[in-house]
PDB file of all heavy atoms in Angstrom:
ATOM      1  N   TYR A   1      14.372  32.570-134.083  1.00  0.00           N
ATOM      2  CA  TYR A   1      15.205  33.747-134.203  1.00  0.00           C
ATOM      3  C   TYR A   1      15.161  34.189-135.655  1.00  0.00           C
ATOM      4  O   TYR A   1      15.480  33.414-136.560  1.00  0.00           O
ATOM      5  CB  TYR A   1      16.633  33.431-133.779  1.00  0.00           C
ATOM      6  CG  TYR A   1      17.612  34.563-133.980  1.00  0.00           C
ATOM      7  CD1 TYR A   1      17.296  35.872-133.627  1.00  0.00           C
ATOM      8  CD2 TYR A   1      18.881  34.318-134.522  1.00  0.00           C
ATOM      9  CE1 TYR A   1      18.199  36.915-133.814  1.00  0.00           C
ATOM     10  CE2 TYR A   1      19.803  35.342-134.699  1.00  0.00           C
ATOM     11  CZ  TYR A   1      19.452  36.635-134.346  1.00  0.00           C
ATOM     12  OH  TYR A   1      20.354  37.663-134.529  1.00  0.00           O
ATOM     13  N   ALA A   2      14.726  35.431-135.879  1.00  0.00           N
ATOM     14  CA  ALA A   2      14.589  35.976-137.230  1.00  0.00           C
ATOM     15  C   ALA A   2      15.506  37.189-137.354  1.00  0.00           C
ATOM     16  O   ALA A   2      15.054  38.334-137.206  1.00  0.00           O
ATOM     17  CB  ALA A   2      13.141  36.355-137.513  1.00  0.00           C
ATOM     18  N   PRO A   3      16.798  36.981-137.588  1.00  0.00           N
ATOM     19  CA  PRO A   3      17.750  38.102-137.602  1.00  0.00           C
ATOM     20  C   PRO A   3      17.463  39.137-138.679  1.00  0.00           C
ATOM     21  O   PRO A   3      17.854  40.299-138.537  1.00  0.00           O
ATOM     22  CB  PRO A   3      19.102  37.422-137.840  1.00  0.00           C
ATOM     23  CG  PRO A   3      18.776  36.104-138.464  1.00  0.00           C
ATOM     24  CD  PRO A   3      17.455  35.699-137.869  1.00  0.00           C
ATOM     25  N   ASN A   4      16.768  38.737-139.746  1.00  0.00           N
ATOM     26  CA  ASN A   4      16.437  39.667-140.830  1.00  0.00           C
ATOM     27  C   ASN A   4      15.032  40.233-140.693  1.00  0.00           C
ATOM     28  O   ASN A   4      14.519  40.835-141.634  1.00  0.00           O
ATOM     29  CB  ASN A   4      16.563  38.966-142.184  1.00  0.00           C
ATOM     30  CG  ASN A   4      17.942  38.389-142.413  1.00  0.00           C
ATOM     31  OD1 ASN A   4      18.946  38.980-142.022  1.00  0.00           O
ATOM     32  ND2 ASN A   4      18.005  37.225-143.034  1.00  0.00           N
ATOM     33  N   GLY A   5      14.417  40.026-139.523  1.00  0.00           N
ATOM     34  CA  GLY A   5      13.033  40.474-139.365  1.00  0.00           C
ATOM     35  C   GLY A   5      12.132  39.757-140.357  1.00  0.00           C
ATOM     36  O   GLY A   5      12.201  38.545-140.518  1.00  0.00           O
ATOM     37  N   LEU A   6      11.304  40.505-141.038  1.00  0.00           N
ATOM     38  CA  LEU A   6      10.410  39.919-142.041  1.00  0.00           C
ATOM     39  C   LEU A   6      11.044  39.883-143.422  1.00  0.00           C
ATOM     40  O   LEU A   6      10.393  39.465-144.394  1.00  0.00           O
ATOM     41  CB  LEU A   6       9.086  40.688-142.079  1.00  0.00           C
ATOM     42  CG  LEU A   6       8.275  40.666-140.778  1.00  0.00           C
ATOM     43  CD1 LEU A   6       6.908  41.305-140.990  1.00  0.00           C
ATOM     44  CD2 LEU A   6       8.123  39.252-140.244  1.00  0.00           C
ATOM     45  N   ASN A   7      12.284  40.343-143.525  1.00  0.00           N
ATOM     46  CA  ASN A   7      13.042  40.220-144.772  1.00  0.00           C
ATOM     47  C   ASN A   7      12.300  40.849-145.954  1.00  0.00           C
ATOM     48  O   ASN A   7      12.345  40.340-147.080  1.00  0.00           O
ATOM     49  CB  ASN A   7      13.339  38.746-145.050  1.00  0.00           C
ATOM     50  CG  ASN A   7      14.544  38.540-145.938  1.00  0.00           C
ATOM     51  OD1 ASN A   7      15.470  39.354-145.935  1.00  0.00           O
ATOM     52  ND2 ASN A   7      14.542  37.460-146.700  1.00  0.00           N
ATOM     53  N   GLY A   8      11.599  41.945-145.665  1.00  0.00           N
ATOM     54  CA  GLY A   8      10.888  42.671-146.719  1.00  0.00           C
ATOM     55  C   GLY A   8       9.513  42.140-147.053  1.00  0.00           C
ATOM     56  O   GLY A   8       8.851  42.653-147.959  1.00  0.00           O
ATOM     57  N   ASN A   9       9.032  41.133-146.331  1.00  0.00           N
ATOM     58  CA  ASN A   9       7.722  40.549-146.605  1.00  0.00           C
ATOM     59  C   ASN A   9       6.602  41.294-145.880  1.00  0.00           C
ATOM     60  O   ASN A   9       6.829  42.027-144.917  1.00  0.00           O
ATOM     61  CB  ASN A   9       7.724  39.076-146.193  1.00  0.00           C
ATOM     62  CG  ASN A   9       8.581  38.224-147.110  1.00  0.00           C
ATOM     63  OD1 ASN A   9       8.192  37.897-148.225  1.00  0.00           O
ATOM     64  ND2 ASN A   9       9.778  37.868-146.638  1.00  0.00           N
ATOM     65  N   ASP A  10       5.385  41.090-146.346  1.00  0.00           N
ATOM     66  CA  ASP A  10       4.204  41.757-145.818  1.00  0.00           C
ATOM     67  C   ASP A  10       3.897  41.260-144.399  1.00  0.00           C
ATOM     68  O   ASP A  10       3.657  40.061-144.204  1.00  0.00           O
ATOM     69  CB  ASP A  10       3.016  41.478-146.745  1.00  0.00           C
ATOM     70  CG  ASP A  10       1.726  42.124-146.277  1.00  0.00           C
ATOM     71  OD1 ASP A  10       1.769  42.952-145.358  1.00  0.00           O
ATOM     72  OD2 ASP A  10       0.664  41.791-146.828  1.00  0.00           O
ATOM     73  N   PRO A  11       3.877  42.146-143.394  1.00  0.00           N
ATOM     74  CA  PRO A  11       3.611  41.710-142.019  1.00  0.00           C
ATOM     75  C   PRO A  11       2.267  41.020-141.856  1.00  0.00           C
ATOM     76  O   PRO A  11       2.147  40.062-141.081  1.00  0.00           O
ATOM     77  CB  PRO A  11       3.661  43.018-141.220  1.00  0.00           C
ATOM     78  CG  PRO A  11       4.502  43.945-142.033  1.00  0.00           C
ATOM     79  CD  PRO A  11       4.207  43.584-143.458  1.00  0.00           C
ATOM     80  N   LEU A  12       1.249  41.477-142.574  1.00  0.00           N
ATOM     81  CA  LEU A  12      -0.080  40.886-142.432  1.00  0.00           C
ATOM     82  C   LEU A  12      -0.096  39.445-142.939  1.00  0.00           C
ATOM     83  O   LEU A  12      -0.686  38.559-142.296  1.00  0.00           O
ATOM     84  CB  LEU A  12      -1.117  41.723-143.182  1.00  0.00           C
ATOM     85  CG  LEU A  12      -2.582  41.468-142.808  1.00  0.00           C
ATOM     86  CD1 LEU A  12      -2.823  41.803-141.341  1.00  0.00           C
ATOM     87  CD2 LEU A  12      -3.507  42.306-143.695  1.00  0.00           C
ATOM     88  N   GLU A  13       0.540  39.195-144.051  1.00  0.00           N
ATOM     89  CA  GLU A  13       0.601  37.831-144.574  1.00  0.00           C
ATOM     90  C   GLU A  13       1.425  36.929-143.668  1.00  0.00           C
ATOM     91  O   GLU A  13       1.095  35.756-143.476  1.00  0.00           O
ATOM     92  CB  GLU A  13       1.173  37.843-146.002  1.00  0.00           C
ATOM     93  CG  GLU A  13       0.275  38.516-147.024  1.00  0.00           C
ATOM     94  CD  GLU A  13      -1.124  37.919-147.050  1.00  0.00           C
ATOM     95  OE1 GLU A  13      -1.238  36.672-147.118  1.00  0.00           O
ATOM     96  OE2 GLU A  13      -2.103  38.681-146.991  1.00  0.00           O
ATOM     97  N   THR A  14       2.483  37.482-143.093  1.00  0.00           N
ATOM     98  CA  THR A  14       3.292  36.704-142.147  1.00  0.00           C
ATOM     99  C   THR A  14       2.474  36.357-140.911  1.00  0.00           C
ATOM    100  O   THR A  14       2.547  35.231-140.394  1.00  0.00           O
ATOM    101  CB  THR A  14       4.549  37.487-141.737  1.00  0.00           C
ATOM    102  OG1 THR A  14       5.271  37.877-142.901  1.00  0.00           O
ATOM    103  CG2 THR A  14       5.443  36.638-140.844  1.00  0.00           C
ATOM    104  N   ALA A  15       1.697  37.320-140.416  1.00  0.00           N
ATOM    105  CA  ALA A  15       0.858  37.069-139.237  1.00  0.00           C
ATOM    106  C   ALA A  15      -0.167  35.970-139.515  1.00  0.00           C
ATOM    107  O   ALA A  15      -0.470  35.159-138.635  1.00  0.00           O
ATOM    108  CB  ALA A  15       0.158  38.358-138.820  1.00  0.00           C
ATOM    109  N   LYS A  16      -0.699  35.925-140.726  1.00  0.00           N
ATOM    110  CA  LYS A  16      -1.622  34.849-141.088  1.00  0.00           C
ATOM    111  C   LYS A  16      -0.912  33.498-141.026  1.00  0.00           C
ATOM    112  O   LYS A  16      -1.485  32.507-140.566  1.00  0.00           O
ATOM    113  CB  LYS A  16      -2.187  35.088-142.494  1.00  0.00           C
ATOM    114  CG  LYS A  16      -3.135  36.270-142.601  1.00  0.00           C
ATOM    115  CD  LYS A  16      -3.606  36.454-144.050  1.00  0.00           C
ATOM    116  CE  LYS A  16      -4.538  37.639-144.197  1.00  0.00           C
ATOM    117  NZ  LYS A  16      -4.963  37.838-145.610  1.00  0.00           N
ATOM    118  N   GLU A  17       0.333  33.460-141.496  1.00  0.00           N
ATOM    119  CA  GLU A  17       1.108  32.214-141.426  1.00  0.00           C
ATOM    120  C   GLU A  17       1.342  31.800-139.970  1.00  0.00           C
ATOM    121  O   GLU A  17       1.261  30.618-139.626  1.00  0.00           O
ATOM    122  CB  GLU A  17       2.447  32.389-142.131  1.00  0.00           C
ATOM    123  CG  GLU A  17       2.327  32.554-143.641  1.00  0.00           C
ATOM    124  CD  GLU A  17       3.668  32.740-144.323  1.00  0.00           C
ATOM    125  OE1 GLU A  17       4.700  32.827-143.626  1.00  0.00           O
ATOM    126  OE2 GLU A  17       3.691  32.796-145.563  1.00  0.00           O
ATOM    127  N   HIS A  18       1.619  32.786-139.116  1.00  0.00           N
ATOM    128  CA  HIS A  18       1.839  32.480-137.703  1.00  0.00           C
ATOM    129  C   HIS A  18       0.567  31.944-137.052  1.00  0.00           C
ATOM    130  O   HIS A  18       0.630  31.023-136.224  1.00  0.00           O
ATOM    131  CB  HIS A  18       2.318  33.738-136.972  1.00  0.00           C
ATOM    132  CG  HIS A  18       3.752  34.063-137.213  1.00  0.00           C
ATOM    133  ND1 HIS A  18       4.549  34.735-136.314  1.00  0.00           N
ATOM    134  CD2 HIS A  18       4.564  33.796-138.284  1.00  0.00           C
ATOM    135  CE1 HIS A  18       5.763  34.864-136.791  1.00  0.00           C
ATOM    136  NE2 HIS A  18       5.787  34.316-138.004  1.00  0.00           N
ATOM    137  N   TYR A  19      -0.567  32.485-137.426  1.00  0.00           N
ATOM    138  CA  TYR A  19      -1.843  31.987-136.899  1.00  0.00           C
ATOM    139  C   TYR A  19      -2.092  30.559-137.372  1.00  0.00           C
ATOM    140  O   TYR A  19      -2.558  29.713-136.612  1.00  0.00           O
ATOM    141  CB  TYR A  19      -2.979  32.901-137.351  1.00  0.00           C
ATOM    142  CG  TYR A  19      -4.341  32.465-136.861  1.00  0.00           C
ATOM    143  CD1 TYR A  19      -4.705  32.607-135.529  1.00  0.00           C
ATOM    144  CD2 TYR A  19      -5.272  31.914-137.741  1.00  0.00           C
ATOM    145  CE1 TYR A  19      -5.950  32.211-135.071  1.00  0.00           C
ATOM    146  CE2 TYR A  19      -6.524  31.519-137.300  1.00  0.00           C
ATOM    147  CZ  TYR A  19      -6.853  31.669-135.960  1.00  0.00           C
ATOM    148  OH  TYR A  19      -8.094  31.263-135.515  1.00  0.00           O
ATOM    149  N   ALA A  20      -1.758  30.294-138.624  1.00  0.00           N
ATOM    150  CA  ALA A  20      -1.923  28.938-139.152  1.00  0.00           C
ATOM    151  C   ALA A  20      -1.031  27.955-138.412  1.00  0.00           C
ATOM    152  O   ALA A  20      -1.424  26.811-138.152  1.00  0.00           O
ATOM    153  CB  ALA A  20      -1.608  28.921-140.648  1.00  0.00           C
ATOM    154  N   PHE A  21       0.150  28.388-138.054  1.00  0.00           N
ATOM    155  CA  PHE A  21       1.097  27.541-137.337  1.00  0.00           C
ATOM    156  C   PHE A  21       0.657  27.321-135.894  1.00  0.00           C
ATOM    157  O   PHE A  21       0.782  26.217-135.345  1.00  0.00           O
ATOM    158  CB  PHE A  21       2.472  28.200-137.362  1.00  0.00           C
ATOM    159  CG  PHE A  21       3.593  27.372-136.811  1.00  0.00           C
ATOM    160  CD1 PHE A  21       3.935  26.149-137.375  1.00  0.00           C
ATOM    161  CD2 PHE A  21       4.333  27.820-135.728  1.00  0.00           C
ATOM    162  CE1 PHE A  21       4.986  25.392-136.875  1.00  0.00           C
ATOM    163  CE2 PHE A  21       5.384  27.071-135.222  1.00  0.00           C
ATOM    164  CZ  PHE A  21       5.711  25.860-135.792  1.00  0.00           C
ATOM    165  N   CYS A  22       0.096  28.373-135.291  1.00  0.00           N
ATOM    166  CA  CYS A  22      -0.275  28.321-133.870  1.00  0.00           C
ATOM    167  C   CYS A  22      -1.406  29.314-133.623  1.00  0.00           C
ATOM    168  O   CYS A  22      -1.164  30.509-133.476  1.00  0.00           O
ATOM    169  CB  CYS A  22       0.938  28.657-133.005  1.00  0.00           C
ATOM    170  SG  CYS A  22       0.614  28.791-131.248  1.00  0.00           S
ATOM    171  N   THR A  23      -2.642  28.828-133.582  1.00  0.00           N
ATOM    172  CA  THR A  23      -3.792  29.729-133.402  1.00  0.00           C
ATOM    173  C   THR A  23      -3.727  30.490-132.085  1.00  0.00           C
ATOM    174  O   THR A  23      -4.209  31.624-131.992  1.00  0.00           O
ATOM    175  CB  THR A  23      -5.114  28.953-133.472  1.00  0.00           C
ATOM    176  OG1 THR A  23      -5.111  27.919-132.475  1.00  0.00           O
ATOM    177  CG2 THR A  23      -5.306  28.330-134.845  1.00  0.00           C
ATOM    178  N   ASP A  24      -3.123  29.886-131.056  1.00  0.00           N
ATOM    179  CA  ASP A  24      -3.026  30.568-129.763  1.00  0.00           C
ATOM    180  C   ASP A  24      -2.160  31.819-129.834  1.00  0.00           C
ATOM    181  O   ASP A  24      -2.244  32.667-128.931  1.00  0.00           O
ATOM    182  CB  ASP A  24      -2.457  29.625-128.702  1.00  0.00           C
ATOM    183  CG  ASP A  24      -3.488  28.626-128.202  1.00  0.00           C
ATOM    184  OD1 ASP A  24      -4.690  28.955-128.247  1.00  0.00           O
ATOM    185  OD2 ASP A  24      -3.104  27.532-127.770  1.00  0.00           O
ATOM    186  N   ARG A  25      -1.353  31.952-130.876  1.00  0.00           N
ATOM    187  CA  ARG A  25      -0.527  33.153-131.008  1.00  0.00           C
ATOM    188  C   ARG A  25      -1.397  34.395-131.087  1.00  0.00           C
ATOM    189  O   ARG A  25      -0.986  35.483-130.640  1.00  0.00           O
ATOM    190  CB  ARG A  25       0.376  33.044-132.245  1.00  0.00           C
ATOM    191  CG  ARG A  25       1.336  34.214-132.404  1.00  0.00           C
ATOM    192  CD  ARG A  25       2.265  34.310-131.220  1.00  0.00           C
ATOM    193  NE  ARG A  25       3.088  35.522-131.239  1.00  0.00           N
ATOM    194  CZ  ARG A  25       2.719  36.675-130.701  1.00  0.00           C
ATOM    195  NH1 ARG A  25       1.535  36.797-130.113  1.00  0.00           N
ATOM    196  NH2 ARG A  25       3.525  37.714-130.739  1.00  0.00           N
ATOM    197  N   ILE A  26      -2.591  34.246-131.651  1.00  0.00           N
ATOM    198  CA  ILE A  26      -3.541  35.355-131.698  1.00  0.00           C
ATOM    199  C   ILE A  26      -4.645  35.170-130.666  1.00  0.00           C
ATOM    200  O   ILE A  26      -4.991  36.097-129.929  1.00  0.00           O
ATOM    201  CB  ILE A  26      -4.137  35.511-133.108  1.00  0.00           C
ATOM    202  CG1 ILE A  26      -3.059  36.024-134.080  1.00  0.00           C
ATOM    203  CG2 ILE A  26      -5.339  36.471-133.096  1.00  0.00           C
ATOM    204  CD1 ILE A  26      -3.511  36.117-135.516  1.00  0.00           C
ATOM    205  N   ASP A  27      -5.184  33.962-130.577  1.00  0.00           N
ATOM    206  CA  ASP A  27      -6.331  33.720-129.706  1.00  0.00           C
ATOM    207  C   ASP A  27      -6.015  33.947-128.238  1.00  0.00           C
ATOM    208  O   ASP A  27      -6.907  34.308-127.457  1.00  0.00           O
ATOM    209  CB  ASP A  27      -6.844  32.291-129.905  1.00  0.00           C
ATOM    210  CG  ASP A  27      -7.430  32.071-131.286  1.00  0.00           C
ATOM    211  OD1 ASP A  27      -7.686  33.075-131.982  1.00  0.00           O
ATOM    212  OD2 ASP A  27      -7.622  30.906-131.678  1.00  0.00           O
ATOM    213  N   GLN A  28      -4.755  33.713-127.829  1.00  0.00           N
ATOM    214  CA  GLN A  28      -4.383  33.935-126.441  1.00  0.00           C
ATOM    215  C   GLN A  28      -3.162  34.849-126.285  1.00  0.00           C
ATOM    216  O   GLN A  28      -2.774  35.152-125.161  1.00  0.00           O
ATOM    217  CB  GLN A  28      -4.092  32.595-125.737  1.00  0.00           C
ATOM    218  CG  GLN A  28      -5.287  31.663-125.690  1.00  0.00           C
ATOM    219  CD  GLN A  28      -5.114  30.549-124.670  1.00  0.00           C
ATOM    220  OE1 GLN A  28      -4.920  30.817-123.495  1.00  0.00           O
ATOM    221  NE2 GLN A  28      -5.201  29.309-125.127  1.00  0.00           N
ATOM    222  N   GLY A  29      -2.606  35.288-127.398  1.00  0.00           N
ATOM    223  CA  GLY A  29      -1.384  36.079-127.330  1.00  0.00           C
ATOM    224  C   GLY A  29      -1.519  37.519-127.767  1.00  0.00           C
ATOM    225  O   GLY A  29      -0.515  38.232-127.893  1.00  0.00           O
ATOM    226  N   THR A  30      -2.749  37.975-128.010  1.00  0.00           N
ATOM    227  CA  THR A  30      -2.969  39.368-128.374  1.00  0.00           C
ATOM    228  C   THR A  30      -4.082  39.957-127.509  1.00  0.00           C
ATOM    229  O   THR A  30      -4.869  39.229-126.902  1.00  0.00           O
ATOM    230  CB  THR A  30      -3.363  39.517-129.854  1.00  0.00           C
ATOM    231  OG1 THR A  30      -4.590  38.804-130.088  1.00  0.00           O
ATOM    232  CG2 THR A  30      -2.287  38.966-130.778  1.00  0.00           C
ATOM    233  N   ARG A  31      -4.159  41.260-127.469  1.00  0.00           N
ATOM    234  CA  ARG A  31      -5.193  41.947-126.684  1.00  0.00           C
ATOM    235  C   ARG A  31      -6.505  42.053-127.445  1.00  0.00           C
ATOM    236  O   ARG A  31      -7.580  41.998-126.866  1.00  0.00           O
ATOM    237  CB  ARG A  31      -4.709  43.346-126.295  1.00  0.00           C
ATOM    238  CG  ARG A  31      -3.447  43.346-125.444  1.00  0.00           C
ATOM    239  CD  ARG A  31      -2.948  44.763-125.193  1.00  0.00           C
ATOM    240  NE  ARG A  31      -1.688  44.769-124.444  1.00  0.00           N
ATOM    241  CZ  ARG A  31      -0.491  44.632-124.996  1.00  0.00           C
ATOM    242  NH1 ARG A  31      -0.389  44.456-126.323  1.00  0.00           N
ATOM    243  NH2 ARG A  31       0.606  44.642-124.263  1.00  0.00           N
ATOM    244  N   THR A  32      -6.413  42.201-128.766  1.00  0.00           N
ATOM    245  CA  THR A  32      -7.607  42.434-129.584  1.00  0.00           C
ATOM    246  C   THR A  32      -8.073  41.177-130.317  1.00  0.00           C
ATOM    247  O   THR A  32      -9.144  41.194-130.922  1.00  0.00           O
ATOM    248  CB  THR A  32      -7.319  43.516-130.634  1.00  0.00           C
ATOM    249  OG1 THR A  32      -6.269  43.070-131.505  1.00  0.00           O
ATOM    250  CG2 THR A  32      -6.899  44.829-129.972  1.00  0.00           C
ATOM    251  N   TYR A  33      -7.257  40.114-130.307  1.00  0.00           N
ATOM    252  CA  TYR A  33      -7.559  38.863-131.011  1.00  0.00           C
ATOM    253  C   TYR A  33      -7.672  39.089-132.518  1.00  0.00           C
ATOM    254  O   TYR A  33      -8.477  38.457-133.193  1.00  0.00           O
ATOM    255  CB  TYR A  33      -8.847  38.219-130.479  1.00  0.00           C
ATOM    256  CG  TYR A  33      -8.924  38.194-128.983  1.00  0.00           C
ATOM    257  CD1 TYR A  33      -9.858  38.972-128.299  1.00  0.00           C
ATOM    258  CD2 TYR A  33      -8.053  37.417-128.222  1.00  0.00           C
ATOM    259  CE1 TYR A  33      -9.924  38.974-126.909  1.00  0.00           C
ATOM    260  CE2 TYR A  33      -8.113  37.408-126.841  1.00  0.00           C
ATOM    261  CZ  TYR A  33      -9.037  38.185-126.192  1.00  0.00           C
ATOM    262  OH  TYR A  33      -9.098  38.182-124.813  1.00  0.00           O
ATOM    263  N   LYS A  34      -6.830  39.980-133.021  1.00  0.00           N
ATOM    264  CA  LYS A  34      -6.868  40.301-134.443  1.00  0.00           C
ATOM    265  C   LYS A  34      -5.499  40.067-135.095  1.00  0.00           C
ATOM    266  O   LYS A  34      -4.452  40.280-134.471  1.00  0.00           O
ATOM    267  CB  LYS A  34      -7.315  41.754-134.659  1.00  0.00           C
ATOM    268  CG  LYS A  34      -8.734  42.024-134.159  1.00  0.00           C
ATOM    269  CD  LYS A  34      -9.186  43.428-134.478  1.00  0.00           C
ATOM    270  CE  LYS A  34     -10.561  43.726-133.872  1.00  0.00           C
ATOM    271  NZ  LYS A  34     -11.598  42.807-134.366  1.00  0.00           N
ATOM    272  N   VAL A  35      -5.542  39.643-136.351  1.00  0.00           N
ATOM    273  CA  VAL A  35      -4.319  39.368-137.096  1.00  0.00           C
ATOM    274  C   VAL A  35      -3.461  40.627-137.208  1.00  0.00           C
ATOM    275  O   VAL A  35      -2.237  40.576-137.097  1.00  0.00           O
ATOM    276  CB  VAL A  35      -4.656  38.821-138.491  1.00  0.00           C
ATOM    277  CG1 VAL A  35      -3.389  38.605-139.312  1.00  0.00           C
ATOM    278  CG2 VAL A  35      -5.450  37.526-138.400  1.00  0.00           C
TER     279      VAL A  35
END
């Protein structure tokens, strides 16, 4: 739960962190397989 959203941080850098945490977040959780 992220009540502050990205808290002013760069969405692209956050998405890279999410991929590092769980590659399936992009590999199986997106339509384009892109960060």
